[in-house]
Structure formats: C-alpha cells, structure tokens
Protein backbone atom coordinates (compact mmCIF):
# COMPACT_ATOMS: atom_id res chain seq x y z
CA MET A 1 0.01 0.04 0.04
CA ILE A 2 1.38 3.45 -0.91
CA PRO A 3 2.18 5.62 2.11
CA LEU A 4 -0.03 8.69 2.20
CA LEU A 5 2.99 11.10 2.47
CA ALA A 6 4.45 9.63 -0.72
CA PHE A 7 1.32 9.98 -2.83
CA PRO A 8 1.93 13.64 -3.80
CA MET A 9 5.56 12.83 -4.90
CA ILE A 10 4.22 9.86 -7.07
CA LEU A 11 1.66 12.13 -8.78
CA ASP A 12 4.48 14.73 -9.50
CA ARG A 13 6.61 12.04 -10.97
CA ILE A 14 3.86 10.77 -13.20
CA ALA A 15 3.01 14.21 -14.35
CA LEU A 16 6.67 15.00 -15.03
CA VAL A 17 7.21 11.80 -17.11
CA ALA A 18 3.96 12.55 -18.98
CA MET A 19 5.25 16.18 -19.73
CA LEU A 20 8.58 14.92 -21.02
CA LEU A 21 6.94 12.46 -23.27
CA VAL A 22 4.60 15.13 -24.93
CA THR A 23 7.28 16.41 -27.26
CA PRO A 24 8.28 13.01 -28.88
CA ALA A 25 4.62 11.91 -28.95
CA LEU A 26 3.71 14.95 -31.09
CA LEU A 27 5.91 13.46 -33.91
CA ASN A 28 3.54 10.67 -34.83
CA ALA A 29 1.13 9.92 -31.92
CA HIS A 30 -0.98 13.06 -31.65
CA ALA A 31 -3.79 11.27 -29.70
CA LEU A 32 -1.17 10.12 -27.11
CA ALA A 33 0.34 13.55 -26.95
CA ASP A 34 -3.15 15.10 -26.31
CA ALA A 35 -3.76 12.40 -23.60
CA LEU A 36 -0.38 13.27 -21.92
CA ILE A 37 -1.21 17.01 -21.97
CA SER A 38 -4.60 16.35 -20.37
CA LEU A 39 -3.00 13.99 -17.84
CA THR A 40 -0.42 16.50 -16.87
CA ALA A 41 -3.14 19.12 -16.49
CA VAL A 42 -5.52 16.97 -14.37
CA LEU A 43 -2.72 15.87 -12.04
CA PHE A 44 -1.69 19.46 -11.53
CA LEU A 45 -5.19 20.41 -10.61
CA VAL A 46 -5.38 17.43 -8.19
CA GLN A 47 -2.29 18.68 -6.43
CA CYS A 48 -3.65 22.21 -6.33
CA ALA A 49 -6.81 20.97 -4.70
CA ARG A 50 -4.89 18.87 -2.19
CA ASP A 51 -2.58 21.74 -1.19
CA GLY A 52 -5.19 24.53 -1.48
CA GLN A 53 -2.87 26.34 -3.81
CA TRP A 54 -4.96 28.38 -6.33
CA ARG A 55 -3.16 31.82 -6.32
CA TRP A 56 -1.77 30.99 -9.70
CA LEU A 57 -5.14 31.68 -11.05
CA ARG A 58 -4.68 35.31 -10.34
CA GLN A 59 -1.11 35.82 -11.44
CA GLY A 60 0.56 36.86 -14.64
CA TRP A 61 -0.85 35.77 -17.85
CA VAL A 62 -3.59 33.42 -16.42
CA PRO A 63 -6.37 35.85 -15.91
CA PHE A 64 -6.00 37.07 -19.59
CA ALA A 65 -6.18 33.39 -20.73
CA ILE A 66 -9.32 32.83 -18.49
CA ALA A 67 -11.05 35.86 -19.99
CA TRP A 68 -10.54 34.90 -23.55
CA TRP A 69 -11.47 31.20 -22.82
CA VAL A 70 -14.77 32.32 -21.07
CA TRP A 71 -15.60 34.60 -23.96
CA GLU A 72 -14.89 31.76 -26.44
CA MET A 73 -17.33 29.58 -24.62
CA LEU A 74 -20.02 32.26 -24.31
CA CYS A 75 -19.69 32.89 -28.14
CA SER A 76 -20.08 29.25 -28.75
CA ILE A 77 -23.55 28.85 -27.02
CA PRO A 78 -26.27 28.16 -29.62
CA ALA A 79 -28.71 31.07 -29.08
CA PRO A 80 -29.70 32.50 -32.61
CA PRO A 81 -29.89 35.06 -33.93
CA LEU A 82 -27.44 36.66 -31.29
CA LEU A 83 -25.08 33.69 -31.00
CA GLN A 84 -24.32 31.33 -33.87
CA GLY A 85 -22.55 28.49 -31.91
CA SER A 86 -23.62 24.98 -31.15
CA TRP A 87 -23.24 22.65 -28.21
CA ALA A 88 -20.54 20.75 -30.06
CA SER A 89 -18.57 24.11 -30.41
CA PHE A 90 -19.24 24.90 -26.89
CA GLY A 91 -17.85 21.59 -25.73
CA GLN A 92 -14.66 21.97 -27.88
CA ALA A 93 -14.28 25.60 -26.53
CA ALA A 94 -14.49 24.28 -22.93
CA MET A 95 -11.83 21.66 -23.51
CA MET A 96 -9.28 24.21 -24.65
CA VAL A 97 -8.62 24.84 -21.00
CA ARG A 98 -6.33 21.75 -20.80
CA PHE A 99 -3.75 23.60 -22.84
CA PHE A 100 -3.69 26.55 -20.47
CA VAL A 101 -3.50 24.36 -17.39
CA PHE A 102 -0.74 22.30 -18.88
CA ALA A 103 1.31 25.44 -19.40
CA ALA A 104 0.53 26.58 -15.88
CA ALA A 105 1.56 23.18 -14.50
CA LEU A 106 4.99 23.58 -16.13
CA GLU A 107 5.50 27.05 -14.88
CA ASN A 108 4.26 26.59 -11.43
CA ARG A 109 5.25 23.05 -10.39
CA LEU A 110 6.94 20.75 -12.74
CA LEU A 111 9.74 22.90 -13.97
CA ARG A 112 10.51 24.79 -10.90
CA ASP A 113 13.68 22.64 -10.41
CA PRO A 114 16.65 23.10 -12.77
CA LYS A 115 16.95 19.33 -13.50
CA PRO A 116 13.53 18.82 -15.10
CA ARG A 117 14.14 21.97 -17.27
CA LEU A 118 17.44 20.40 -18.43
CA TRP A 119 15.72 16.99 -19.16
CA LEU A 120 13.01 18.81 -21.22
CA ARG A 121 15.67 20.68 -23.09
CA TRP A 122 17.49 17.32 -23.93
CA MET A 123 14.12 15.96 -25.19
CA VAL A 124 13.39 18.96 -27.43
CA GLN A 125 16.90 18.92 -28.78
CA ALA A 126 16.57 15.12 -29.57
CA VAL A 127 13.32 15.64 -31.41
CA ALA A 128 14.78 18.69 -33.36
CA ALA A 129 17.82 16.63 -34.33
CA TYR A 130 15.60 13.76 -35.41
CA ILE A 131 13.52 15.89 -37.73
CA GLY A 132 16.69 17.47 -39.06
CA ILE A 133 18.46 14.22 -39.75
CA GLN A 134 15.46 12.84 -41.49
CA CYS A 135 15.25 15.85 -43.69
CA LEU A 136 18.99 15.65 -44.68
CA PHE A 137 18.70 11.93 -45.34
CA GLN A 138 15.66 12.55 -47.49
CA TYR A 139 17.54 15.27 -49.33
CA ALA A 140 20.50 13.04 -50.02
CA THR A 141 18.70 9.77 -50.90
CA GLY A 142 15.23 11.02 -52.04
CA ARG A 143 13.48 9.03 -49.16
CA ASN A 144 13.13 9.34 -45.49
CA PHE A 145 13.81 6.43 -43.10
CA PHE A 146 10.30 5.11 -43.74
CA GLY A 147 10.48 5.22 -47.53
CA PHE A 148 8.42 8.27 -48.11
CA GLY A 149 9.70 10.73 -50.78
CA ARG A 150 9.37 14.54 -51.25
CA TRP A 151 5.93 15.91 -51.30
CA ALA A 152 4.09 17.03 -54.51
CA ASP A 153 5.90 20.31 -54.94
CA GLY A 154 9.16 18.94 -53.79
CA GLU A 155 9.03 19.84 -50.06
CA LEU A 156 11.20 17.76 -47.76
CA THR A 157 8.81 15.86 -45.37
CA GLY A 158 11.49 14.73 -42.92
CA PRO A 159 10.07 11.80 -40.75
CA PHE A 160 6.51 12.40 -42.02
CA TYR A 161 4.72 11.46 -45.07
CA LYS A 162 3.18 14.93 -45.43
CA PRO A 163 4.98 18.36 -45.50
CA ARG A 164 5.02 18.92 -41.79
CA ALA A 165 8.73 19.19 -41.12
CA GLY A 166 9.18 22.97 -41.57
CA PRO A 167 6.22 24.09 -39.21
CA GLU A 168 7.18 21.61 -36.51
CA LEU A 169 10.98 22.15 -36.63
CA VAL A 170 10.74 26.00 -36.59
CA ARG A 171 8.72 25.80 -33.29
CA ILE A 172 11.64 24.09 -31.52
CA LEU A 173 14.61 25.08 -33.55
CA PHE A 174 15.85 28.05 -31.45
CA PRO A 175 15.57 26.60 -28.00
CA ALA A 176 17.22 23.35 -29.27
CA VAL A 177 20.12 24.98 -31.24
CA LEU A 178 20.87 28.27 -29.55
CA PRO A 179 22.14 27.05 -26.32
CA PRO A 180 24.90 24.82 -27.85
CA VAL A 181 25.65 27.50 -30.45
CA MET A 182 26.19 30.04 -27.73
CA ALA A 183 28.22 27.64 -25.58
CA LEU A 184 30.50 26.92 -28.62
CA ILE A 185 31.13 30.58 -29.59
CA ALA A 186 31.82 31.51 -25.96
CA ARG A 187 34.94 29.24 -25.93
CA ARG A 188 38.39 30.59 -26.70
CA ALA A 189 39.35 27.78 -29.15
CA LEU A 190 38.95 28.73 -32.65
CA ILE A 191 37.67 25.25 -33.67
CA ALA A 192 34.80 25.50 -31.16
CA ARG A 193 33.69 28.98 -32.55
CA ILE A 194 33.85 27.66 -36.05
CA ALA A 195 31.70 24.75 -34.83
CA GLY A 196 29.19 27.15 -33.47
CA VAL A 197 28.94 29.05 -36.70
CA LEU A 198 28.51 25.76 -38.66
CA LEU A 199 25.80 24.49 -36.33
CA ALA A 200 23.86 27.64 -36.64
CA GLY A 201 24.36 27.61 -40.46
CA LEU A 202 23.27 23.99 -40.61
CA GLY A 203 19.98 24.84 -38.84
CA ILE A 204 19.28 27.59 -41.32
CA ALA A 205 20.27 25.38 -44.22
CA VAL A 206 17.96 22.58 -43.24
CA MET A 207 15.10 25.02 -42.91
CA VAL A 208 15.80 26.47 -46.46
CA LEU A 209 16.07 22.87 -47.97
CA ILE A 210 12.81 21.77 -46.45
CA GLY A 211 11.28 24.26 -48.98
CA GLN A 212 8.30 25.56 -46.97
CA ARG A 213 7.97 29.39 -47.28
CA MET A 214 6.52 30.43 -44.02
CA PRO A 215 9.03 28.40 -41.81
CA VAL A 216 11.88 29.89 -43.71
CA LEU A 217 10.64 33.40 -43.17
CA LEU A 218 10.02 32.71 -39.57
CA THR A 219 13.41 31.26 -39.14
CA GLY A 220 14.95 34.58 -40.45
CA LEU A 221 12.82 36.54 -38.03
CA GLY A 222 13.77 34.34 -35.14
CA LEU A 223 17.51 34.77 -35.94
CA ILE A 224 17.15 38.47 -36.02
CA VAL A 225 15.33 38.58 -32.66
CA SER A 226 17.90 36.33 -31.11
CA ALA A 227 20.72 38.49 -32.42
CA LEU A 228 19.18 41.55 -30.96
CA LEU A 229 18.94 39.94 -27.59
CA LEU A 230 22.37 38.22 -27.68
CA PRO A 231 25.11 40.64 -28.86
CA ARG A 232 27.71 37.87 -29.08
CA LEU A 233 25.38 36.08 -31.59
CA ARG A 234 25.25 38.88 -34.05
CA LEU A 235 28.27 37.97 -36.27
CA VAL A 236 27.20 34.26 -36.09
CA ALA A 237 23.67 35.23 -37.19
CA ILE A 238 24.97 37.20 -40.07
CA SER A 239 27.21 34.18 -41.11
CA ALA A 240 24.17 31.92 -40.73
CA LEU A 241 22.01 34.13 -42.82
CA VAL A 242 24.72 34.20 -45.49
CA ILE A 243 24.92 30.45 -45.49
CA GLY A 244 21.14 30.26 -45.92
CA GLY A 245 21.34 32.79 -48.70
CA ILE A 246 24.07 30.83 -50.46
CA VAL A 247 21.94 27.59 -50.28
CA LEU A 248 18.95 29.46 -51.56
CA ALA A 249 20.91 30.99 -54.46
CA ALA A 250 22.38 27.50 -55.28
CA SER A 251 18.94 25.94 -54.94
CA PRO A 252 18.16 25.96 -58.72
CA ILE A 253 21.19 23.48 -59.08
CA ILE A 254 21.34 21.66 -55.82
CA SER A 255 17.52 21.55 -55.15
CA PRO A 256 15.22 22.82 -57.89
CA PRO A 257 12.02 22.03 -55.92
CA THR A 258 13.20 24.33 -53.10
CA TYR A 259 13.82 27.21 -55.65
CA TYR A 260 10.42 26.64 -57.13
CA ARG A 261 8.68 26.75 -53.73
CA LEU A 262 10.69 29.56 -52.12
CA VAL A 263 11.14 31.87 -55.05
CA GLU A 264 8.99 31.16 -58.06
CA LYS A 265 5.76 30.06 -56.38
CA PHE A 266 6.07 32.50 -53.50
CA SER A 267 6.63 35.47 -56.01
CA THR A 268 3.57 34.40 -57.97
CA GLN A 269 1.36 34.16 -54.86
CA MET A 270 2.48 37.54 -53.71
CA ASP A 271 1.96 39.17 -57.02
CA HIS A 272 -1.74 37.77 -57.03
CA PHE A 273 -2.39 37.61 -53.38
CA THR A 274 -6.11 38.55 -53.50
CA THR A 275 -6.80 35.59 -55.80
CA SER A 276 -4.50 33.18 -54.07
CA PRO A 277 -5.93 30.71 -51.50
CA TYR A 278 -4.40 32.73 -48.61
CA GLY A 279 -6.00 35.89 -49.92
CA LEU A 280 -9.49 34.33 -50.29
CA LEU A 281 -9.23 32.86 -46.84
CA LEU A 282 -8.37 36.36 -45.49
CA ARG A 283 -11.35 37.84 -47.26
CA ARG A 284 -13.78 35.18 -46.09
CA ALA A 285 -12.63 35.42 -42.54
CA ASP A 286 -13.04 39.23 -42.69
CA GLU A 287 -16.56 38.91 -44.04
CA ILE A 288 -17.59 36.57 -41.30
CA THR A 289 -16.21 39.02 -38.63
CA GLU A 290 -17.93 41.93 -40.34
CA GLN A 291 -21.31 40.22 -40.20
CA HIS A 292 -20.78 39.07 -36.65
CA PRO A 293 -18.59 41.78 -35.08
CA VAL A 294 -19.54 41.16 -31.37
CA PHE A 295 -19.89 37.49 -30.84
CA GLY A 296 -18.44 35.94 -33.90
CA ARG A 297 -19.64 32.39 -34.77
CA GLY A 298 -18.23 30.62 -31.69
CA PHE A 299 -15.47 27.92 -31.61
CA ASP A 300 -14.81 26.63 -35.06
CA GLY A 301 -16.69 29.58 -36.40
CA PHE A 302 -14.79 29.76 -39.74
CA ARG A 303 -15.19 26.03 -40.51
CA ASN A 304 -19.01 26.15 -39.67
CA GLY A 305 -19.75 29.42 -41.52
CA CYS A 306 -17.48 29.22 -44.50
CA PRO A 307 -19.82 26.93 -46.63
CA LEU A 308 -22.75 29.47 -46.23
CA PRO A 309 -23.26 31.63 -49.37
CA ARG A 310 -23.92 34.73 -47.36
CA TYR A 311 -20.09 34.98 -46.66
CA TRP A 312 -19.11 34.39 -50.34
CA VAL A 313 -17.66 37.84 -50.95
CA GLY A 314 -14.51 38.63 -52.89
CA TRP A 315 -12.07 41.45 -52.81
CA ASN A 316 -13.33 43.64 -55.62
CA THR A 317 -17.26 43.36 -55.37
CA ALA A 318 -17.65 46.98 -56.31
CA THR A 319 -16.09 46.59 -59.73
CA THR A 320 -16.08 42.80 -60.53
CA PRO A 321 -18.55 40.99 -58.31
CA ASN A 322 -17.48 37.47 -57.37
CA ASP A 323 -18.10 34.89 -54.77
CA GLY A 324 -14.69 34.89 -53.24
CA GLY A 325 -13.80 31.43 -54.47
CA GLY A 326 -17.12 29.93 -53.41
CA LEU A 327 -17.21 26.61 -51.65
CA SER A 328 -13.66 25.74 -52.89
CA THR A 329 -12.27 28.44 -50.59
CA CYS A 330 -13.42 26.66 -47.40
CA LYS A 331 -10.89 25.07 -45.07
CA GLN A 332 -11.06 23.91 -41.51
CA HIS A 333 -9.75 27.31 -40.30
CA PRO A 334 -8.61 30.58 -41.74
CA HIS A 335 -4.89 29.85 -41.51
CA ASN A 336 -4.15 32.65 -39.00
CA PHE A 337 -4.71 32.75 -35.19
CA TYR A 338 -5.92 36.32 -35.09
CA LEU A 339 -8.41 35.81 -37.93
CA GLN A 340 -9.53 32.69 -36.12
CA ALA A 341 -9.95 34.69 -32.97
CA SER A 342 -12.10 37.22 -34.70
CA THR A 343 -14.35 34.67 -36.56
CA ASP A 344 -14.83 32.78 -33.33
CA GLY A 345 -15.39 35.74 -30.95
CA GLY A 346 -15.78 38.86 -32.96
CA PHE A 347 -13.70 41.98 -32.23
CA PRO A 348 -14.00 41.44 -28.41
CA GLY A 349 -12.64 37.95 -28.85
CA LEU A 350 -9.78 39.32 -30.95
CA VAL A 351 -8.91 41.92 -28.36
CA LEU A 352 -8.90 39.37 -25.57
CA PHE A 353 -6.66 37.06 -27.60
CA CYS A 354 -4.13 39.75 -28.28
CA LEU A 355 -4.09 40.73 -24.58
CA MET A 356 -3.46 37.10 -23.66
CA VAL A 357 -0.67 36.95 -26.32
CA LEU A 358 1.00 40.18 -25.10
CA ALA A 359 0.80 38.83 -21.48
CA TRP A 360 2.58 35.61 -22.49
CA LEU A 361 5.38 37.48 -24.25
CA ARG A 362 5.73 39.91 -21.39
CA ASP A 363 6.09 37.18 -18.76
CA MET A 364 8.39 35.16 -21.01
CA GLY A 365 10.60 38.23 -21.68
CA ARG A 366 10.79 39.50 -18.13
CA GLY A 367 14.35 40.76 -17.52
CA LEU A 368 15.61 39.15 -20.81
CA TRP A 369 16.96 42.51 -22.19
CA ARG A 370 19.11 43.05 -19.08
CA ARG A 371 20.11 39.53 -18.36
CA PRO A 372 20.03 37.63 -21.84
CA ASP A 373 20.31 33.83 -21.55
CA ALA A 374 20.60 31.50 -24.51
CA VAL A 375 17.87 29.16 -23.42
CA ARG A 376 15.41 31.93 -22.48
CA VAL A 377 16.21 33.82 -25.71
CA GLY A 378 15.57 30.65 -27.68
CA LEU A 379 12.26 29.97 -25.90
CA PHE A 380 11.15 33.64 -26.35
CA ALA A 381 12.03 33.62 -30.01
CA ALA A 382 10.13 30.32 -30.58
CA ALA A 383 6.98 31.63 -28.82
CA LEU A 384 7.14 34.90 -30.81
CA LEU A 385 7.47 33.03 -34.03
CA HIS A 386 4.47 30.92 -33.33
CA LEU A 387 2.37 33.95 -32.30
CA TRP A 388 3.55 36.30 -35.11
CA PRO A 389 0.48 37.96 -36.56
CA ILE A 390 1.53 38.05 -40.26
CA ALA A 391 1.77 34.23 -40.84
CA SER A 392 -0.04 31.28 -42.18
CA THR A 393 -0.69 28.95 -39.36
CA SER A 394 -2.75 25.87 -38.30
CA ALA A 395 -5.68 26.22 -35.99
CA PHE A 396 -4.81 27.65 -32.55
CA THR A 397 -5.32 24.45 -30.63
CA SER A 398 -4.45 22.00 -33.47
CA LEU A 399 -1.78 19.31 -32.71
CA PRO A 400 1.06 18.75 -33.45
CA VAL A 401 2.07 22.42 -33.96
CA SER A 402 0.21 23.93 -31.08
CA GLY A 403 1.35 21.12 -28.91
CA TYR A 404 4.98 22.17 -29.33
CA PHE A 405 3.93 25.79 -28.66
CA PHE A 406 2.46 25.02 -25.23
CA VAL A 407 5.47 22.97 -24.33
CA ILE A 408 7.70 25.86 -25.18
CA LEU A 409 5.28 28.41 -23.44
CA GLY A 410 5.33 26.53 -20.15
CA TRP A 411 9.01 25.97 -20.30
CA GLY A 412 9.69 29.63 -21.17
CA LEU A 413 7.38 30.84 -18.31
CA ALA A 414 9.22 28.50 -15.88
CA GLU A 415 12.64 29.78 -17.06
CA ALA A 416 11.62 33.36 -16.72
CA ARG A 417 10.02 32.68 -13.24
CA TRP A 418 12.58 30.46 -11.62
CA ARG A 419 15.87 31.31 -13.24
CA GLN A 420 16.59 34.40 -11.14
CA PRO A 421 19.86 35.62 -9.61
CA SER A 422 18.06 35.84 -6.29
CA GLN A 423 17.32 32.21 -6.35
CA THR A 424 20.25 30.74 -4.57
CA SER A 425 19.02 27.21 -4.22
CA PRO A 426 16.73 24.92 -6.39
CA VAL A 427 13.24 24.29 -5.29
CA THR A 428 12.02 20.74 -5.67
CA VAL A 429 9.03 19.79 -7.76
CA THR A 430 7.04 18.85 -4.73
CA ALA A 431 7.33 22.24 -3.09
CA PRO A 432 4.03 24.11 -2.72
CA ILE A 433 3.21 26.76 -5.22
CA SER A 434 4.29 30.20 -4.14
CA ALA A 435 2.71 33.44 -4.70
C-alpha cells in the first residue's frame, strides 16, 4: 500500500514523465500527446486541490487566458440570432482549457527545479535533431527512413509522409540549437567557434532545404530577434544568414524544388495575393467577422460558417462581383490565429486574444534584455514566431504544432520565473506553489 505522504511525490513524478513524453509523442502519436497533456493538467489540478494552492489563477498571464477562454465559450452557445454557436462548439471551446492548465503546470510546479528543465531541453533537442537528420537523409537519398519521398511540390517531409517538417521544426529550432551555439562561440578555441557558426548555419540550411516558405521566413525573423537579444550572436547570425542565402541561391542547381517553392511560387502568390488561396481565406474570414462583429460564430466559427453563401464575398465586389472562391475556398480554419480569434469571438474575442498573447510574451521576456540567456532567448524567439500575426498557421489548438507551442510556453514561463539571480538554491518539484 502506498504511504499517504509519498502520494503527492508519485503524482508529481507521473506528471513529470507525461510532460517529458509530450514532445516526442507529437511526432507521430497525436492522440497520445493530447492524452499526456490532459493527464499533466489533471494531475496538476489534483495537487492544487490537495494543497489548497490556487493563487496562480490570479497571477501573470492566467487571468487574460481565462477571460479569452470564457468569452470563447460564451460565443459558442447556440442562441440564434445573437449567438451562432452549437453545443458541439461549446464543448470544444470548454476543452481548450487543458492547454492553459498544462502550461501553468509547467510554470508553477513541474519545471521549478533546474533538472526537469534540463531534461526537457534534452528531449526537445533530440526531437529537433531527429527531424533535421530525417530531412537531410531525404534530401540526400530521395526518401526518409520510412521510404516516403518528397511531397508534390518537392518539399522535404522529414520523418513524416506530409509536409510537416518545416512548421514543426521551426517551433523548437531556437531553444534546441541556440544554447549549444552560444556555448561553442563563447569558448576561446577557434575550432569551437567555427563549430558554433557551422551548427547555426546547418540549422538555417535545413530550414531552407525543406522548402516551406513560412517556416523559412519565420526562421529569419527568429534569428534577427535572437541576435538583438544576444550581442555575441550577431556575427554568427550574419554568417548563418549568409549560409542560408548561399543555399537558396544555389537551390536551382542543388535543389530545384526548393527554388520553385521559395522563389517562383512565392513570388507568384504575392503578385496575385487577392486571388491566391491565402488571400481568399483572409477575405472570407474578414466577411464573417464583419457580419458578426460582437460574438463571432463561436468555436470553429470559420469552418462552420465558410460553406454558407452569405459569406461568399470577394475582394473587388464594387467593380467585379465574385463569390470569393465559393465553396472551394473553405478550409477547416482561416490559417491565422488572429483571424480565427475574430471569426470565433468577434472583435472582443480578438482583443482578448491579443491581450493574452501580449501577457505571454511579457512574462516570458521578463528581464531578458538586461540579463540575456541563450535558453530563455531561444524560448522567447520560438514563442514569438508561433504567435507572429503576419503568418499562415494551423488552428490555434491543433496538434501537433500547437502542442509544441504549449510545451515551449510552459518551459519559457518557468525559466523566466525560476531562473533568477536571487534564487540561490533549487526548489524541488514537490514544493508548494508560491505566490
């Protein structure tokens, strides 16, 4: 029989193992990853109830997340004509809370001690290396380890059969690569510094060779942000960008599909943005928000509303009336978190979502300018890239991409909160939650 005093420690260990397994499970076991996220969240709530520790609900970013979550549920209630939701949408909105509790569990309990944070970093680095190695192997041989070749337009798929490598790798690239790069270039030995530059260049080169446009652009943004926060990284960042530019310039020879995706197709889509799939999605989401400016259409509002002809409005209706692509424009989501927030919850939902995002970045970036640290900068850059407003994205709570984000978020919040100069001794994971 388990001693009563040992029970909280056992729960913490189960939650810690579950949390560490989330990142590898996100590769090819999304249902398992979701179950692990939920298990971690539930065990955290059990411990909070046992210890009577609920002050974290009033701290930092949590009230902003609660406000947006409650509004999302309210907008998802079926009460026409005011509210356009459904009980299925309401249930999905309610279940979003597991991601917020998961991040809070990492920040407030599981990652208080330096050792679990180090273990999580090793896990993230292993997953990033695995994706990168699979991409390089596929580039060299034409197939990944499982026999899958490039995707239709020539994108490298890495360990997947679909083009998922770029969006997933960019979410964990900086916290995985930045710490070893900074450790290498801080050494006096020239060979170590060269190795640091090559490692950074390799990361950029892999992202370019994958051939997915948005991940490449976000990688460049992340490198700029990291270099601004870490002065020692600036020359390395320039070198890495030069390496990436050389790879891109040589891509017509070394990887024609990459050149087609990153240069030719991207240029064509930008020249004809309003008639591109992304431009049509933007206009459809904008129309849904205009017709429901206060409450939106509830959770999954874009998916549920997109097939309705009342929203089929194009860009130039005043001069050349059109249906905005009609039914063929419809997707599961508008491919942008902020458009999703507005179609789900109207303009109030968009404002609450933006406040939540700003609270996350504020808490993760606390003291970072004065005391830059490679791990924290990598995590901050990764979170900023995921939340960057001018980007094509998956749905906000869609796994696997958002799963990586909430791991990064909880880890980054924990690093910001517990890696302080005044903290002279580590706090064990079983310690009660402090104010």
